[in-house]
Amino acid sequence: MKKSKILIGTVIVAIIGLITVAADHIDAPAAQGTSADITDFYAFQGENTNNLVFVANVQGLLSPSATSTTSFDENVLVEFNIDTDGDAVEDLVIQAIPRDGKMYFFGPVAPSSTGLTSDIATMSSVKGEVDITAYGSSAIIAENSAGMKMFAGPRDDPFFMDFARYGEVVGGTAPGFNNPGADTFAGSNVLSIVVEVPKSMVGTSGTINTWVEAKVKQ
């Protein structure tokens, strides 16, 4: 794969200590309903406490029938950004881009440029790839020589929100949420990209800033 200049499609920003969750199921008009639409971003300590896990979900609100025919867009780069010194500028990136049924990962590596444009770090010494799991199939997980684990494929939408009750609460006709509530997203799916990285590859300062971007090839 040659280096490709990428322009930003949509951004979700989050700051993490141990665990972060950011969700955005209603996007700006330019990104809403497109293959660059990020629905969720999760960053947390792995079951192996020496690792960090980064998850980006895209193309949300997929019905089961739509999921079987939906695929990752080969013109969209998903980039996990990691700020290790607190200046809100990415010091490391992990890039994921699909090609021919596989998801390719590059990094963590220092980016060649920061901000709204990116070059795919194909010359990075830290690389990995995983076959994209088909809908209804057992998860395919790959691990590279650096100890990174990777997954890409459809998954049940993990975000829980009772929008009907929320409207009642905001409208003043309900005192609070029900327990349990009704999951508005039940039965809908997302396309998920997951990468688990040894903490030693991103620094051990104890606090990082992290955010994810979907960038569309121009």
N, C-alpha and C. Protein backbone atom coordinates (compact mmCIF):
# COMPACT_ATOMS: atom_id res chain seq x y z
N MET A 1 0.84 -1.20 0.00
CA MET A 1 0.00 0.00 0.00
C MET A 1 0.87 1.25 0.00
N LYS A 2 0.60 2.15 -0.88
CA LYS A 2 1.34 3.39 -0.95
C LYS A 2 0.83 4.37 0.10
N LYS A 3 1.66 5.34 0.41
CA LYS A 3 1.22 6.39 1.33
C LYS A 3 0.04 7.13 0.71
N SER A 4 -0.95 7.43 1.53
CA SER A 4 -2.13 8.14 1.04
C SER A 4 -2.44 9.29 1.96
N LYS A 5 -2.65 10.46 1.38
CA LYS A 5 -3.08 11.60 2.20
C LYS A 5 -4.55 11.43 2.51
N ILE A 6 -4.89 11.62 3.76
CA ILE A 6 -6.25 11.36 4.24
C ILE A 6 -6.78 12.64 4.87
N LEU A 7 -8.02 12.98 4.58
CA LEU A 7 -8.68 14.13 5.19
C LEU A 7 -9.70 13.65 6.20
N ILE A 8 -9.87 14.43 7.25
CA ILE A 8 -10.72 14.01 8.35
C ILE A 8 -12.17 13.89 7.93
N GLY A 9 -12.85 12.86 8.44
CA GLY A 9 -14.27 12.71 8.19
C GLY A 9 -15.07 13.06 9.43
N THR A 10 -14.70 12.51 10.56
CA THR A 10 -15.43 12.77 11.81
C THR A 10 -14.53 12.45 12.98
N VAL A 11 -14.77 13.10 14.11
CA VAL A 11 -13.87 12.96 15.26
C VAL A 11 -14.67 12.74 16.53
N ILE A 12 -14.19 11.86 17.38
CA ILE A 12 -14.67 11.75 18.75
C ILE A 12 -13.45 11.91 19.65
N VAL A 13 -13.56 12.70 20.70
CA VAL A 13 -12.44 12.97 21.59
C VAL A 13 -12.75 12.45 22.97
N ALA A 14 -11.78 11.85 23.61
CA ALA A 14 -11.96 11.38 24.98
C ALA A 14 -10.63 11.41 25.70
N ILE A 15 -10.66 11.53 27.03
CA ILE A 15 -9.47 11.51 27.87
C ILE A 15 -9.60 10.32 28.80
N ILE A 16 -8.54 9.55 28.96
CA ILE A 16 -8.65 8.37 29.80
C ILE A 16 -7.63 8.35 30.91
N GLY A 17 -8.03 7.75 32.04
CA GLY A 17 -7.12 7.32 33.07
C GLY A 17 -7.09 5.81 32.96
N LEU A 18 -8.14 5.15 33.50
CA LEU A 18 -8.24 3.71 33.39
C LEU A 18 -9.22 3.28 32.31
N ILE A 19 -10.36 3.97 32.22
CA ILE A 19 -11.37 3.56 31.26
C ILE A 19 -12.09 4.78 30.70
N THR A 20 -12.38 4.75 29.43
CA THR A 20 -13.11 5.83 28.78
C THR A 20 -14.16 5.25 27.85
N VAL A 21 -15.31 5.88 27.80
CA VAL A 21 -16.35 5.53 26.84
C VAL A 21 -16.85 6.82 26.22
N ALA A 22 -16.90 6.88 24.93
CA ALA A 22 -17.49 8.02 24.23
C ALA A 22 -18.43 7.48 23.17
N ALA A 23 -19.63 8.05 23.08
CA ALA A 23 -20.61 7.56 22.12
C ALA A 23 -21.21 8.73 21.34
N ASP A 24 -21.55 8.47 20.09
CA ASP A 24 -22.06 9.53 19.22
C ASP A 24 -22.89 8.88 18.13
N HIS A 25 -24.13 8.51 18.45
CA HIS A 25 -24.97 7.83 17.47
C HIS A 25 -25.73 8.81 16.57
N ILE A 26 -25.66 10.11 16.85
CA ILE A 26 -26.30 11.10 16.01
C ILE A 26 -25.22 12.08 15.59
N ASP A 27 -24.74 11.98 14.37
CA ASP A 27 -23.57 12.72 13.94
C ASP A 27 -23.95 13.96 13.14
N ALA A 28 -22.91 14.74 12.84
CA ALA A 28 -23.09 15.89 11.96
C ALA A 28 -23.56 15.42 10.59
N PRO A 29 -24.30 16.25 9.85
CA PRO A 29 -24.86 15.82 8.56
C PRO A 29 -23.83 15.27 7.59
N ALA A 30 -22.61 15.82 7.61
CA ALA A 30 -21.61 15.37 6.64
C ALA A 30 -21.17 13.93 6.88
N ALA A 31 -21.28 13.46 8.13
CA ALA A 31 -20.82 12.11 8.45
C ALA A 31 -21.94 11.14 8.73
N GLN A 32 -23.11 11.65 9.11
CA GLN A 32 -24.21 10.79 9.52
C GLN A 32 -24.59 9.80 8.42
N GLY A 33 -24.63 8.52 8.79
CA GLY A 33 -25.06 7.50 7.86
C GLY A 33 -24.02 7.12 6.83
N THR A 34 -22.81 7.65 6.92
CA THR A 34 -21.77 7.32 5.96
C THR A 34 -20.86 6.25 6.54
N SER A 35 -19.96 5.73 5.73
CA SER A 35 -19.03 4.70 6.19
C SER A 35 -17.94 5.28 7.08
N ALA A 36 -17.90 6.60 7.23
CA ALA A 36 -16.92 7.24 8.12
C ALA A 36 -17.55 7.62 9.46
N ASP A 37 -18.78 7.20 9.71
CA ASP A 37 -19.49 7.58 10.91
C ASP A 37 -19.05 6.73 12.09
N ILE A 38 -18.42 7.37 13.08
CA ILE A 38 -18.01 6.67 14.31
C ILE A 38 -19.16 6.72 15.30
N THR A 39 -19.55 5.56 15.83
CA THR A 39 -20.63 5.53 16.81
C THR A 39 -20.12 5.48 18.25
N ASP A 40 -19.05 4.75 18.48
CA ASP A 40 -18.52 4.59 19.84
C ASP A 40 -17.00 4.53 19.83
N PHE A 41 -16.43 4.96 20.94
CA PHE A 41 -15.00 4.81 21.17
C PHE A 41 -14.80 4.37 22.62
N TYR A 42 -14.03 3.30 22.79
CA TYR A 42 -13.74 2.78 24.12
C TYR A 42 -12.23 2.63 24.28
N ALA A 43 -11.71 2.97 25.44
CA ALA A 43 -10.31 2.73 25.76
C ALA A 43 -10.25 2.29 27.21
N PHE A 44 -9.60 1.16 27.47
CA PHE A 44 -9.60 0.63 28.83
C PHE A 44 -8.43 -0.33 29.03
N GLN A 45 -8.16 -0.61 30.29
CA GLN A 45 -7.12 -1.56 30.63
C GLN A 45 -7.59 -2.96 30.30
N GLY A 46 -6.71 -3.76 29.69
CA GLY A 46 -7.08 -5.09 29.27
C GLY A 46 -7.20 -6.07 30.42
N GLU A 47 -7.74 -7.25 30.11
CA GLU A 47 -7.77 -8.32 31.11
C GLU A 47 -6.35 -8.61 31.58
N ASN A 48 -5.41 -8.59 30.64
CA ASN A 48 -3.99 -8.54 30.99
C ASN A 48 -3.68 -7.10 31.34
N THR A 49 -3.45 -6.81 32.61
CA THR A 49 -3.33 -5.43 33.08
C THR A 49 -2.09 -4.73 32.54
N ASN A 50 -1.23 -5.44 31.82
CA ASN A 50 -0.09 -4.80 31.17
C ASN A 50 -0.45 -4.22 29.81
N ASN A 51 -1.72 -4.40 29.40
CA ASN A 51 -2.15 -3.97 28.07
C ASN A 51 -3.25 -2.91 28.15
N LEU A 52 -3.37 -2.12 27.09
CA LEU A 52 -4.48 -1.22 26.88
C LEU A 52 -5.26 -1.67 25.65
N VAL A 53 -6.57 -1.50 25.70
CA VAL A 53 -7.44 -1.89 24.60
C VAL A 53 -8.12 -0.65 24.03
N PHE A 54 -8.11 -0.53 22.71
CA PHE A 54 -8.77 0.57 22.01
C PHE A 54 -9.82 -0.03 21.08
N VAL A 55 -11.04 0.52 21.12
CA VAL A 55 -12.14 0.02 20.31
C VAL A 55 -12.80 1.19 19.59
N ALA A 56 -12.95 1.08 18.29
CA ALA A 56 -13.72 2.06 17.51
C ALA A 56 -14.83 1.31 16.78
N ASN A 57 -16.06 1.78 16.95
CA ASN A 57 -17.20 1.22 16.23
C ASN A 57 -17.68 2.21 15.18
N VAL A 58 -17.96 1.72 13.99
CA VAL A 58 -18.41 2.57 12.90
C VAL A 58 -19.68 1.99 12.26
N GLN A 59 -20.35 2.83 11.48
CA GLN A 59 -21.52 2.42 10.71
C GLN A 59 -22.58 1.77 11.61
N GLY A 60 -23.08 2.54 12.55
CA GLY A 60 -24.03 2.03 13.52
C GLY A 60 -25.44 1.87 12.99
N LEU A 61 -26.31 1.36 13.87
CA LEU A 61 -27.74 1.17 13.60
C LEU A 61 -27.97 0.21 12.43
N LEU A 62 -27.10 -0.80 12.30
CA LEU A 62 -27.26 -1.79 11.24
C LEU A 62 -28.24 -2.87 11.70
N SER A 63 -29.23 -3.16 10.90
CA SER A 63 -30.12 -4.28 11.18
C SER A 63 -29.37 -5.57 10.86
N PRO A 64 -29.83 -6.71 11.40
CA PRO A 64 -29.16 -7.98 11.05
C PRO A 64 -29.08 -8.22 9.55
N SER A 65 -30.15 -7.90 8.82
CA SER A 65 -30.12 -8.13 7.37
C SER A 65 -29.14 -7.21 6.68
N ALA A 66 -29.03 -5.97 7.16
CA ALA A 66 -28.08 -5.02 6.56
C ALA A 66 -26.65 -5.38 6.93
N THR A 67 -26.45 -5.94 8.12
CA THR A 67 -25.09 -6.25 8.59
C THR A 67 -24.40 -7.24 7.66
N SER A 68 -25.15 -8.21 7.16
CA SER A 68 -24.56 -9.26 6.33
C SER A 68 -24.01 -8.73 5.02
N THR A 69 -24.47 -7.56 4.60
CA THR A 69 -24.02 -7.00 3.32
C THR A 69 -23.21 -5.72 3.49
N THR A 70 -22.93 -5.32 4.75
CA THR A 70 -22.16 -4.10 5.02
C THR A 70 -20.71 -4.44 5.25
N SER A 71 -19.81 -3.65 4.71
CA SER A 71 -18.38 -3.91 4.86
C SER A 71 -17.65 -2.62 5.21
N PHE A 72 -16.44 -2.77 5.72
CA PHE A 72 -15.59 -1.62 5.97
C PHE A 72 -15.25 -0.94 4.64
N ASP A 73 -15.19 0.37 4.66
CA ASP A 73 -14.88 1.15 3.46
C ASP A 73 -13.37 1.23 3.29
N GLU A 74 -12.88 0.79 2.16
CA GLU A 74 -11.43 0.81 1.91
C GLU A 74 -10.88 2.21 1.71
N ASN A 75 -11.75 3.20 1.60
CA ASN A 75 -11.30 4.60 1.49
C ASN A 75 -11.31 5.32 2.83
N VAL A 76 -11.60 4.60 3.91
CA VAL A 76 -11.66 5.21 5.23
C VAL A 76 -10.58 4.63 6.14
N LEU A 77 -9.72 5.50 6.64
CA LEU A 77 -8.71 5.15 7.63
C LEU A 77 -9.26 5.47 9.01
N VAL A 78 -9.21 4.51 9.92
CA VAL A 78 -9.55 4.75 11.32
C VAL A 78 -8.24 4.89 12.08
N GLU A 79 -8.11 6.01 12.79
CA GLU A 79 -6.84 6.33 13.44
C GLU A 79 -7.06 6.58 14.92
N PHE A 80 -6.43 5.76 15.74
CA PHE A 80 -6.42 5.96 17.19
C PHE A 80 -5.26 6.90 17.52
N ASN A 81 -5.56 8.02 18.15
CA ASN A 81 -4.54 9.01 18.49
C ASN A 81 -4.23 8.94 19.99
N ILE A 82 -2.95 9.03 20.32
CA ILE A 82 -2.52 8.92 21.71
C ILE A 82 -1.60 10.09 22.02
N ASP A 83 -1.99 10.88 23.00
CA ASP A 83 -1.20 12.02 23.48
C ASP A 83 -0.59 11.61 24.81
N THR A 84 0.73 11.56 24.88
CA THR A 84 1.40 11.07 26.09
C THR A 84 1.95 12.18 26.98
N ASP A 85 1.90 13.45 26.52
CA ASP A 85 2.50 14.52 27.32
C ASP A 85 1.52 15.63 27.69
N GLY A 86 0.22 15.41 27.42
CA GLY A 86 -0.80 16.34 27.91
C GLY A 86 -0.98 17.60 27.11
N ASP A 87 -0.45 17.67 25.88
CA ASP A 87 -0.60 18.90 25.10
C ASP A 87 -1.72 18.82 24.06
N ALA A 88 -2.52 17.73 24.12
CA ALA A 88 -3.66 17.53 23.22
C ALA A 88 -3.24 17.41 21.75
N VAL A 89 -2.00 17.01 21.52
CA VAL A 89 -1.50 16.74 20.17
C VAL A 89 -1.02 15.29 20.16
N GLU A 90 -1.38 14.54 19.14
CA GLU A 90 -1.04 13.13 19.11
C GLU A 90 0.48 12.93 19.01
N ASP A 91 1.00 12.10 19.93
CA ASP A 91 2.41 11.70 19.90
C ASP A 91 2.58 10.35 19.23
N LEU A 92 1.54 9.54 19.29
CA LEU A 92 1.54 8.22 18.67
C LEU A 92 0.19 8.01 17.98
N VAL A 93 0.20 7.22 16.92
CA VAL A 93 -1.05 6.82 16.28
C VAL A 93 -1.03 5.32 16.04
N ILE A 94 -2.21 4.73 16.07
CA ILE A 94 -2.42 3.37 15.59
C ILE A 94 -3.43 3.49 14.46
N GLN A 95 -3.04 3.07 13.28
CA GLN A 95 -3.88 3.24 12.09
C GLN A 95 -4.44 1.89 11.65
N ALA A 96 -5.70 1.89 11.26
CA ALA A 96 -6.35 0.67 10.77
C ALA A 96 -7.02 0.98 9.45
N ILE A 97 -6.73 0.16 8.44
CA ILE A 97 -7.34 0.37 7.13
C ILE A 97 -7.61 -0.98 6.47
N PRO A 98 -8.81 -1.16 5.91
CA PRO A 98 -9.16 -2.46 5.30
C PRO A 98 -8.70 -2.56 3.85
N ARG A 99 -8.34 -3.78 3.48
CA ARG A 99 -8.01 -4.09 2.09
C ARG A 99 -8.32 -5.56 1.84
N ASP A 100 -9.17 -5.82 0.87
CA ASP A 100 -9.38 -7.18 0.37
C ASP A 100 -9.66 -8.19 1.48
N GLY A 101 -10.58 -7.86 2.37
CA GLY A 101 -11.00 -8.81 3.40
C GLY A 101 -10.14 -8.86 4.63
N LYS A 102 -9.14 -8.00 4.71
CA LYS A 102 -8.28 -7.94 5.89
C LYS A 102 -8.27 -6.52 6.45
N MET A 103 -8.02 -6.40 7.75
CA MET A 103 -7.77 -5.10 8.36
C MET A 103 -6.29 -5.03 8.69
N TYR A 104 -5.64 -4.00 8.16
CA TYR A 104 -4.21 -3.80 8.38
C TYR A 104 -4.01 -2.73 9.45
N PHE A 105 -3.06 -2.99 10.35
CA PHE A 105 -2.76 -2.07 11.45
C PHE A 105 -1.31 -1.61 11.36
N PHE A 106 -1.09 -0.33 11.62
CA PHE A 106 0.25 0.25 11.64
C PHE A 106 0.40 1.06 12.93
N GLY A 107 1.52 0.85 13.64
CA GLY A 107 1.76 1.55 14.88
C GLY A 107 1.54 0.66 16.09
N PRO A 108 1.70 1.25 17.31
CA PRO A 108 1.85 2.68 17.59
C PRO A 108 3.16 3.23 17.02
N VAL A 109 3.02 4.39 16.37
CA VAL A 109 4.17 5.03 15.75
C VAL A 109 3.94 6.53 15.79
N ALA A 110 5.03 7.29 15.85
CA ALA A 110 4.91 8.75 15.77
C ALA A 110 4.40 9.13 14.39
N PRO A 111 3.38 9.98 14.30
CA PRO A 111 2.82 10.34 12.99
C PRO A 111 3.77 11.24 12.21
N SER A 112 3.69 11.15 10.89
CA SER A 112 4.51 12.03 10.05
C SER A 112 3.97 13.44 10.06
N SER A 113 2.68 13.59 10.36
CA SER A 113 2.07 14.92 10.52
C SER A 113 0.93 14.78 11.51
N THR A 114 0.57 15.88 12.16
CA THR A 114 -0.51 15.86 13.14
C THR A 114 -1.69 16.68 12.62
N GLY A 115 -2.83 16.50 13.26
CA GLY A 115 -3.98 17.29 12.88
C GLY A 115 -4.90 16.57 11.91
N LEU A 116 -5.41 17.33 10.93
CA LEU A 116 -6.51 16.84 10.10
C LEU A 116 -6.10 15.99 8.92
N THR A 117 -4.82 15.90 8.61
CA THR A 117 -4.37 15.04 7.52
C THR A 117 -3.40 14.00 8.05
N SER A 118 -3.36 12.85 7.40
CA SER A 118 -2.50 11.75 7.82
C SER A 118 -1.92 11.05 6.62
N ASP A 119 -0.73 10.49 6.79
CA ASP A 119 -0.17 9.54 5.85
C ASP A 119 -0.21 8.17 6.51
N ILE A 120 -0.58 7.16 5.74
CA ILE A 120 -0.57 5.80 6.29
C ILE A 120 0.86 5.38 6.53
N ALA A 121 1.13 4.91 7.74
CA ALA A 121 2.51 4.63 8.17
C ALA A 121 2.94 3.25 7.71
N THR A 122 2.97 3.05 6.40
CA THR A 122 3.29 1.73 5.86
C THR A 122 4.73 1.31 6.12
N MET A 123 5.59 2.28 6.42
CA MET A 123 6.99 1.96 6.69
C MET A 123 7.24 1.67 8.16
N SER A 124 6.19 1.71 8.97
CA SER A 124 6.33 1.43 10.39
C SER A 124 6.82 0.00 10.60
N SER A 125 7.70 -0.17 11.59
CA SER A 125 8.19 -1.51 11.90
C SER A 125 7.17 -2.31 12.70
N VAL A 126 6.16 -1.62 13.24
CA VAL A 126 5.12 -2.30 14.01
C VAL A 126 3.88 -2.42 13.13
N LYS A 127 3.60 -3.63 12.69
CA LYS A 127 2.51 -3.86 11.76
C LYS A 127 1.74 -5.10 12.20
N GLY A 128 0.51 -5.19 11.73
CA GLY A 128 -0.28 -6.38 11.98
C GLY A 128 -1.44 -6.45 11.01
N GLU A 129 -2.03 -7.60 10.90
CA GLU A 129 -3.19 -7.76 10.05
C GLU A 129 -4.06 -8.87 10.60
N VAL A 130 -5.35 -8.77 10.30
CA VAL A 130 -6.29 -9.79 10.73
C VAL A 130 -7.37 -9.93 9.67
N ASP A 131 -7.80 -11.16 9.42
CA ASP A 131 -8.93 -11.37 8.52
C ASP A 131 -10.17 -10.74 9.16
N ILE A 132 -10.96 -10.04 8.37
CA ILE A 132 -12.19 -9.44 8.87
C ILE A 132 -13.21 -10.55 9.10
N THR A 133 -13.73 -10.61 10.32
CA THR A 133 -14.69 -11.65 10.68
C THR A 133 -16.01 -11.41 9.96
N ALA A 134 -16.55 -12.46 9.37
CA ALA A 134 -17.84 -12.35 8.68
C ALA A 134 -18.98 -12.36 9.69
N TYR A 135 -20.08 -11.75 9.33
CA TYR A 135 -21.26 -11.70 10.19
C TYR A 135 -21.74 -13.12 10.50
N GLY A 136 -21.96 -13.38 11.79
CA GLY A 136 -22.44 -14.69 12.22
C GLY A 136 -21.34 -15.71 12.45
N SER A 137 -20.08 -15.34 12.20
CA SER A 137 -18.95 -16.26 12.38
C SER A 137 -18.25 -16.01 13.70
N SER A 138 -17.51 -17.01 14.16
CA SER A 138 -16.71 -16.85 15.38
C SER A 138 -15.63 -15.80 15.14
N ALA A 139 -15.32 -15.06 16.19
CA ALA A 139 -14.36 -13.96 16.08
C ALA A 139 -12.98 -14.47 15.69
N ILE A 140 -12.38 -13.80 14.71
CA ILE A 140 -11.00 -14.08 14.31
C ILE A 140 -10.11 -13.04 14.99
N ILE A 141 -9.16 -13.50 15.78
CA ILE A 141 -8.25 -12.62 16.51
C ILE A 141 -6.82 -12.96 16.10
N ALA A 142 -6.06 -11.95 15.72
CA ALA A 142 -4.67 -12.15 15.32
C ALA A 142 -3.75 -11.48 16.33
N GLU A 143 -2.53 -11.97 16.43
CA GLU A 143 -1.51 -11.37 17.30
C GLU A 143 -0.20 -11.28 16.53
N ASN A 144 0.46 -10.10 16.62
CA ASN A 144 1.73 -9.95 15.92
C ASN A 144 2.90 -10.20 16.87
N SER A 145 4.10 -10.09 16.34
CA SER A 145 5.30 -10.40 17.12
C SER A 145 5.54 -9.42 18.26
N ALA A 146 4.91 -8.22 18.18
CA ALA A 146 5.08 -7.22 19.24
C ALA A 146 4.10 -7.43 20.40
N GLY A 147 3.22 -8.42 20.28
CA GLY A 147 2.26 -8.68 21.34
C GLY A 147 0.95 -7.94 21.20
N MET A 148 0.71 -7.30 20.04
CA MET A 148 -0.56 -6.63 19.78
C MET A 148 -1.58 -7.65 19.30
N LYS A 149 -2.83 -7.53 19.80
CA LYS A 149 -3.93 -8.37 19.34
C LYS A 149 -4.92 -7.50 18.57
N MET A 150 -5.53 -8.09 17.52
CA MET A 150 -6.36 -7.30 16.62
C MET A 150 -7.62 -8.06 16.24
N PHE A 151 -8.70 -7.30 16.06
CA PHE A 151 -9.97 -7.86 15.58
C PHE A 151 -10.66 -6.81 14.73
N ALA A 152 -11.41 -7.25 13.74
CA ALA A 152 -12.26 -6.36 12.94
C ALA A 152 -13.45 -7.15 12.43
N GLY A 153 -14.64 -6.59 12.62
CA GLY A 153 -15.82 -7.27 12.11
C GLY A 153 -17.08 -6.77 12.78
N PRO A 154 -18.24 -7.29 12.37
CA PRO A 154 -19.51 -6.85 12.94
C PRO A 154 -19.71 -7.37 14.36
N ARG A 155 -20.36 -6.53 15.17
CA ARG A 155 -20.67 -6.89 16.54
C ARG A 155 -21.97 -6.21 16.95
N ASP A 156 -22.65 -6.79 17.94
CA ASP A 156 -23.83 -6.17 18.50
C ASP A 156 -23.47 -4.80 19.05
N ASP A 157 -24.32 -3.81 18.82
CA ASP A 157 -24.04 -2.46 19.32
C ASP A 157 -24.01 -2.50 20.85
N PRO A 158 -22.86 -2.17 21.46
CA PRO A 158 -22.73 -2.28 22.92
C PRO A 158 -23.32 -1.11 23.69
N PHE A 159 -23.67 -0.04 22.98
CA PHE A 159 -24.15 1.15 23.68
C PHE A 159 -25.59 0.96 24.12
N PHE A 160 -25.89 1.32 25.37
CA PHE A 160 -27.24 1.19 25.92
C PHE A 160 -27.81 2.58 26.16
N MET A 161 -29.01 2.80 25.61
CA MET A 161 -29.69 4.08 25.84
C MET A 161 -31.18 3.87 25.68
N ASP A 162 -31.96 4.35 26.64
CA ASP A 162 -33.42 4.30 26.58
C ASP A 162 -33.90 5.68 26.12
N PHE A 163 -33.96 5.86 24.79
CA PHE A 163 -34.27 7.19 24.26
C PHE A 163 -35.71 7.61 24.57
N ALA A 164 -36.64 6.66 24.57
CA ALA A 164 -38.02 7.02 24.87
C ALA A 164 -38.13 7.57 26.28
N ARG A 165 -37.51 6.86 27.23
CA ARG A 165 -37.55 7.34 28.62
C ARG A 165 -36.78 8.64 28.78
N TYR A 166 -35.67 8.76 28.05
CA TYR A 166 -34.89 10.00 28.09
C TYR A 166 -35.76 11.19 27.69
N GLY A 167 -36.55 11.01 26.62
CA GLY A 167 -37.43 12.08 26.20
C GLY A 167 -38.45 12.44 27.26
N GLU A 168 -38.94 11.43 27.98
CA GLU A 168 -39.90 11.69 29.05
C GLU A 168 -39.23 12.43 30.21
N VAL A 169 -38.01 12.05 30.55
CA VAL A 169 -37.29 12.71 31.64
C VAL A 169 -37.03 14.17 31.29
N VAL A 170 -36.52 14.40 30.07
CA VAL A 170 -36.23 15.76 29.63
C VAL A 170 -37.50 16.59 29.54
N GLY A 171 -38.58 15.96 29.12
CA GLY A 171 -39.84 16.66 28.98
C GLY A 171 -40.58 16.87 30.29
N GLY A 172 -40.04 16.32 31.38
CA GLY A 172 -40.63 16.53 32.68
C GLY A 172 -41.81 15.64 33.00
N THR A 173 -42.02 14.59 32.20
CA THR A 173 -43.15 13.70 32.45
C THR A 173 -42.75 12.42 33.16
N ALA A 174 -41.45 12.25 33.46
CA ALA A 174 -40.98 11.09 34.20
C ALA A 174 -39.92 11.54 35.20
N PRO A 175 -39.92 10.94 36.40
CA PRO A 175 -38.97 11.39 37.44
C PRO A 175 -37.55 10.90 37.22
N GLY A 176 -37.36 9.84 36.44
CA GLY A 176 -36.02 9.30 36.22
C GLY A 176 -36.10 8.08 35.34
N PHE A 177 -34.96 7.45 35.13
CA PHE A 177 -34.91 6.27 34.26
C PHE A 177 -35.40 5.04 35.00
N ASN A 178 -35.92 4.08 34.24
CA ASN A 178 -36.33 2.80 34.79
C ASN A 178 -35.13 1.89 34.96
N ASN A 179 -35.22 0.96 35.88
CA ASN A 179 -34.16 -0.02 36.09
C ASN A 179 -34.80 -1.41 36.16
N PRO A 180 -34.70 -2.21 35.07
CA PRO A 180 -33.93 -1.92 33.86
C PRO A 180 -34.71 -1.05 32.89
N GLY A 181 -33.99 -0.38 32.01
CA GLY A 181 -34.64 0.40 30.98
C GLY A 181 -34.82 -0.42 29.71
N ALA A 182 -35.33 0.21 28.68
CA ALA A 182 -35.49 -0.43 27.37
C ALA A 182 -34.37 0.03 26.46
N ASP A 183 -33.60 -0.91 25.95
CA ASP A 183 -32.44 -0.58 25.12
C ASP A 183 -32.88 -0.21 23.71
N THR A 184 -32.77 1.05 23.37
CA THR A 184 -33.15 1.53 22.04
C THR A 184 -32.34 0.84 20.95
N PHE A 185 -31.09 0.46 21.25
CA PHE A 185 -30.20 -0.11 20.24
C PHE A 185 -30.23 -1.63 20.20
N ALA A 186 -31.12 -2.25 20.97
CA ALA A 186 -31.20 -3.71 20.96
C ALA A 186 -31.48 -4.22 19.56
N GLY A 187 -30.71 -5.23 19.14
CA GLY A 187 -30.90 -5.82 17.82
C GLY A 187 -30.19 -5.12 16.69
N SER A 188 -29.49 -4.02 16.99
CA SER A 188 -28.74 -3.33 15.94
C SER A 188 -27.25 -3.60 16.11
N ASN A 189 -26.52 -3.48 15.03
CA ASN A 189 -25.11 -3.85 15.02
C ASN A 189 -24.22 -2.70 14.56
N VAL A 190 -22.93 -2.89 14.77
CA VAL A 190 -21.89 -1.95 14.32
C VAL A 190 -20.77 -2.76 13.69
N LEU A 191 -19.89 -2.08 12.97
CA LEU A 191 -18.62 -2.67 12.55
C LEU A 191 -17.56 -2.21 13.54
N SER A 192 -16.85 -3.16 14.11
CA SER A 192 -15.95 -2.87 15.23
C SER A 192 -14.50 -3.14 14.86
N ILE A 193 -13.62 -2.24 15.32
CA ILE A 193 -12.17 -2.40 15.18
C ILE A 193 -11.58 -2.39 16.58
N VAL A 194 -10.87 -3.45 16.93
CA VAL A 194 -10.32 -3.60 18.28
C VAL A 194 -8.83 -3.88 18.19
N VAL A 195 -8.05 -3.16 18.98
CA VAL A 195 -6.62 -3.43 19.04
C VAL A 195 -6.17 -3.37 20.51
N GLU A 196 -5.48 -4.41 20.93
CA GLU A 196 -4.94 -4.48 22.30
C GLU A 196 -3.43 -4.33 22.22
N VAL A 197 -2.90 -3.39 23.01
CA VAL A 197 -1.50 -2.99 22.87
C VAL A 197 -0.80 -3.06 24.22
N PRO A 198 0.40 -3.62 24.29
CA PRO A 198 1.16 -3.55 25.53
C PRO A 198 1.39 -2.10 25.96
N LYS A 199 1.21 -1.82 27.24
CA LYS A 199 1.41 -0.46 27.74
C LYS A 199 2.82 0.04 27.43
N SER A 200 3.78 -0.84 27.38
CA SER A 200 5.16 -0.44 27.12
C SER A 200 5.31 0.21 25.76
N MET A 201 4.34 0.00 24.85
CA MET A 201 4.42 0.58 23.52
C MET A 201 3.85 2.00 23.46
N VAL A 202 3.15 2.42 24.51
CA VAL A 202 2.55 3.76 24.51
C VAL A 202 3.05 4.62 25.66
N GLY A 203 3.95 4.09 26.47
CA GLY A 203 4.45 4.86 27.61
C GLY A 203 3.78 4.41 28.89
N THR A 204 4.41 4.71 30.01
CA THR A 204 3.92 4.24 31.30
C THR A 204 3.74 5.39 32.29
N SER A 205 3.35 6.57 31.79
CA SER A 205 3.21 7.74 32.66
C SER A 205 1.99 7.66 33.56
N GLY A 206 1.03 6.77 33.23
CA GLY A 206 -0.16 6.62 34.05
C GLY A 206 -1.36 7.33 33.49
N THR A 207 -1.18 8.36 32.68
CA THR A 207 -2.30 9.07 32.09
C THR A 207 -1.99 9.38 30.62
N ILE A 208 -2.95 9.12 29.76
CA ILE A 208 -2.83 9.51 28.37
C ILE A 208 -4.13 10.18 27.94
N ASN A 209 -4.04 10.99 26.92
CA ASN A 209 -5.23 11.47 26.21
C ASN A 209 -5.36 10.63 24.95
N THR A 210 -6.57 10.24 24.62
CA THR A 210 -6.75 9.45 23.42
C THR A 210 -8.06 9.80 22.73
N TRP A 211 -8.05 9.78 21.42
CA TRP A 211 -9.24 10.04 20.62
C TRP A 211 -9.12 9.26 19.32
N VAL A 212 -10.22 9.12 18.63
CA VAL A 212 -10.23 8.35 17.38
C VAL A 212 -10.79 9.23 16.28
N GLU A 213 -10.25 9.04 15.08
CA GLU A 213 -10.69 9.78 13.90
C GLU A 213 -10.95 8.81 12.76
N ALA A 214 -11.94 9.12 11.96
CA ALA A 214 -12.15 8.44 10.69
C ALA A 214 -11.80 9.44 9.59
N LYS A 215 -10.84 9.08 8.76
CA LYS A 215 -10.34 9.99 7.74
C LYS A 215 -10.55 9.39 6.35
N VAL A 216 -11.10 10.20 5.48
CA VAL A 216 -11.52 9.72 4.16
C VAL A 216 -10.48 10.08 3.11
N LYS A 217 -10.10 9.10 2.30
CA LYS A 217 -9.11 9.32 1.25
C LYS A 217 -9.63 10.32 0.23
N GLN A 218 -8.74 11.25 -0.15
CA GLN A 218 -9.09 12.27 -1.15
C GLN A 218 -8.25 12.09 -2.40
